Protein backbone atom coordinates (compact mmCIF):
# COMPACT_ATOMS: atom_id res chain seq x y z
CA UNK A 1 107.26 160.27 61.93
CA UNK A 2 104.11 158.61 60.52
CA UNK A 3 102.42 157.78 63.84
CA UNK A 4 102.83 154.02 63.33
CA UNK A 5 102.90 152.18 66.66
CA UNK A 6 102.90 148.55 65.45
CA UNK A 7 104.30 147.02 62.30
CA UNK A 8 104.29 143.36 61.29
CA UNK A 9 107.20 142.01 59.26
CA UNK A 10 105.93 139.10 57.17
CA UNK A 11 108.30 138.96 54.23
CA UNK A 12 109.89 135.59 54.88
CA UNK A 13 113.14 134.34 56.37
CA UNK A 14 115.49 136.76 54.60
CA UNK A 15 113.65 139.94 55.55
CA UNK A 16 113.00 138.63 59.08
CA UNK A 17 116.74 137.97 59.59
CA UNK A 18 117.66 141.38 58.20
CA UNK A 19 115.29 143.13 60.62
CA UNK A 20 116.52 140.97 63.52
CA UNK A 21 120.19 141.69 62.78
CA UNK A 22 119.44 145.42 62.60
CA UNK A 23 117.87 145.25 66.08
CA UNK A 24 114.43 146.17 64.74
CA UNK A 25 112.39 143.30 66.22
CA UNK A 26 110.73 143.69 69.60
CA UNK A 27 108.72 140.46 69.40
CA UNK A 28 108.63 137.20 67.44
CA UNK A 29 105.29 135.42 67.15
CA UNK A 30 105.29 131.73 66.15
CA UNK A 31 102.27 129.46 65.73
CA UNK A 32 103.15 125.77 65.80
CA UNK A 33 100.68 123.28 64.36
CA UNK A 34 100.87 119.53 65.07
CA UNK A 35 101.69 118.58 61.47
CA UNK A 36 104.89 117.82 59.52
CA UNK A 37 105.63 117.38 55.83
CA UNK A 38 109.33 116.41 55.81
CA UNK A 39 110.15 118.71 52.89
CA UNK A 40 113.84 119.53 52.43
CA UNK A 41 112.90 122.82 50.73
CA UNK A 42 110.74 124.19 53.55
CA UNK A 43 111.40 127.82 54.39
CA UNK A 44 112.71 128.92 57.73
CA UNK A 45 111.59 131.79 59.99
CA UNK A 46 115.06 133.33 59.80
CA UNK A 47 117.46 132.90 56.89
CA UNK A 48 120.70 134.74 56.10
CA UNK A 49 121.39 135.67 52.50
CA UNK A 50 124.73 134.37 51.22
CA UNK A 51 125.99 137.88 50.43
CA UNK A 52 125.45 139.17 54.00
CA UNK A 53 128.21 138.97 56.63
CA UNK A 54 128.12 136.30 59.32
CA UNK A 55 126.57 137.46 62.59
CA UNK A 56 126.10 135.98 66.04
CA UNK A 57 122.93 133.98 66.66
CA UNK A 58 120.17 135.91 68.41
CA UNK A 59 118.70 134.70 71.70
CA UNK A 60 115.04 135.12 72.62
CA UNK A 61 113.09 134.86 75.88
CA UNK A 62 109.62 133.32 76.03
CA UNK A 63 107.09 136.08 76.70
CA UNK A 64 103.84 134.16 76.42
CA UNK A 65 102.48 130.76 75.40
CA UNK A 66 98.88 129.98 74.45
CA UNK A 67 97.14 126.81 73.25
CA UNK A 68 95.20 127.24 70.02
CA UNK A 69 92.45 125.12 68.49
CA UNK A 70 93.55 121.84 66.95
CA UNK A 71 96.42 121.23 69.39
CA UNK A 72 98.68 124.05 68.25
CA UNK A 73 100.69 126.54 70.27
CA UNK A 74 101.11 130.27 69.86
CA UNK A 75 104.54 131.27 71.18
CA UNK A 76 105.60 134.88 71.63
CA UNK A 77 109.25 135.77 72.22
CA UNK A 78 111.21 138.94 72.92
CA UNK A 79 114.88 139.38 72.03
CA UNK A 80 117.27 138.99 74.97
CA UNK A 81 119.30 142.15 75.49
């Protein structure tokens, strides 16, 4: 309708999970850095709000993996159908 071909969802775990559960993700891009902080309040990539119904976990297939500077990895996944 608006001619948009690509859209990035970057609203945090709750919005990511909502889009995933609605079947609106065609790729998940994750950059892993070789650091850890041990925080118990760290946010997650996907997070279900308490008021939403329980759903099955989603499975993903590795599409591509690339090393990035500093020893990190860029992982790209597609949802398994």
